[in-house]
Protein backbone atom coordinates (compact mmCIF):
# COMPACT_ATOMS: atom_id res chain seq x y z
CA UNK A 1 185.17 -77.70 68.06
CA UNK A 2 181.73 -78.87 69.16
CA UNK A 3 179.30 -76.05 69.57
CA UNK A 4 175.99 -75.99 71.34
CA UNK A 5 175.41 -79.76 71.34
CA UNK A 6 172.28 -79.72 73.50
CA UNK A 7 170.20 -82.91 73.64
CA UNK A 8 167.62 -81.29 71.32
CA UNK A 9 170.25 -80.32 68.76
CA UNK A 10 171.89 -83.73 68.94
CA UNK A 11 168.53 -85.44 68.40
CA UNK A 12 167.69 -83.13 65.47
CA UNK A 13 171.02 -83.90 63.81
CA UNK A 14 170.68 -87.66 64.18
CA UNK A 15 167.00 -87.78 63.20
CA UNK A 16 167.78 -85.51 60.25
CA UNK A 17 170.54 -87.87 59.17
CA UNK A 18 168.33 -90.96 59.46
CA UNK A 19 165.47 -89.27 57.60
CA UNK A 20 167.86 -88.18 54.83
CA UNK A 21 169.18 -91.71 54.40
CA UNK A 22 165.64 -93.13 54.42
CA UNK A 23 164.57 -90.62 51.76
CA UNK A 24 167.50 -91.59 49.54
CA UNK A 25 166.72 -95.30 49.90
CA UNK A 26 163.03 -94.79 49.08
CA UNK A 27 163.79 -92.72 45.98
CA UNK A 28 166.61 -94.99 44.78
CA UNK A 29 164.48 -98.13 45.22
CA UNK A 30 162.17 -96.85 42.46
CA UNK A 31 159.29 -99.03 43.64
CA UNK A 32 156.47 -96.48 43.66
CA UNK A 33 157.22 -94.80 46.98
CA UNK A 34 159.18 -91.81 45.69
CA UNK A 35 156.67 -89.40 47.26
CA UNK A 36 157.43 -90.84 50.69
CA UNK A 37 161.11 -90.32 49.97
CA UNK A 38 160.42 -86.62 49.41
CA UNK A 39 158.54 -86.50 52.72
CA UNK A 40 161.51 -88.09 54.51
CA UNK A 41 163.83 -85.59 52.81
CA UNK A 42 161.56 -82.70 53.86
CA UNK A 43 161.74 -83.89 57.46
CA UNK A 44 165.52 -84.19 57.16
CA UNK A 45 165.85 -80.72 55.62
CA UNK A 46 163.64 -79.20 58.31
CA UNK A 47 165.69 -80.77 61.09
CA UNK A 48 168.99 -79.76 59.51
CA UNK A 49 167.71 -76.21 58.96
CA UNK A 50 167.00 -76.06 62.68
CA UNK A 51 170.45 -77.51 63.42
CA UNK A 52 172.07 -74.89 61.20
CA UNK A 53 170.18 -72.17 63.03
CA UNK A 54 171.14 -73.58 66.44
CA UNK A 55 174.81 -73.84 65.40
CA UNK A 56 174.77 -70.42 63.69
CA UNK A 57 175.80 -71.87 60.32
CA UNK A 58 174.28 -69.67 57.57
CA UNK A 59 175.54 -71.90 54.75
CA UNK A 60 173.84 -74.97 56.27
CA UNK A 61 170.62 -73.00 56.80
CA UNK A 62 170.59 -71.81 53.18
CA UNK A 63 171.39 -75.24 51.74
CA UNK A 64 168.75 -77.06 53.77
CA UNK A 65 166.12 -74.34 53.24
CA UNK A 66 166.59 -74.67 49.47
CA UNK A 67 166.46 -78.47 49.75
CA UNK A 68 163.23 -78.11 51.76
CA UNK A 69 161.66 -76.02 49.00
CA UNK A 70 162.72 -78.63 46.42
CA UNK A 71 161.32 -81.40 48.63
CA UNK A 72 158.00 -79.58 48.93
CA UNK A 73 157.83 -79.25 45.14
CA UNK A 74 158.52 -82.99 44.88
CA UNK A 75 155.78 -83.77 47.40
CA UNK A 76 153.34 -81.52 45.54
CA UNK A 77 154.13 -83.07 42.16
CA UNK A 78 154.08 -86.66 43.42
CA UNK A 79 150.86 -86.50 45.45
CA UNK A 80 148.81 -83.68 43.88
CA UNK A 81 149.72 -83.31 40.19
């Protein structure tokens, strides 16, 4: 059953998916742009956290919130440590 697929939610889900794929490609390429991969993942996690909230999916919210924290640690370590 499709729930609450407003244009904003649909955009968040698709942009979150694209950002997640981009992050994986940047990290897997291992060509010195890993930090940008973490930024893409953080964007993805943020968008999917919103999507989980909009769809009332606590498990998705928790998963993506934890991923966002991990992404922020990765960004911090890559750019500032």
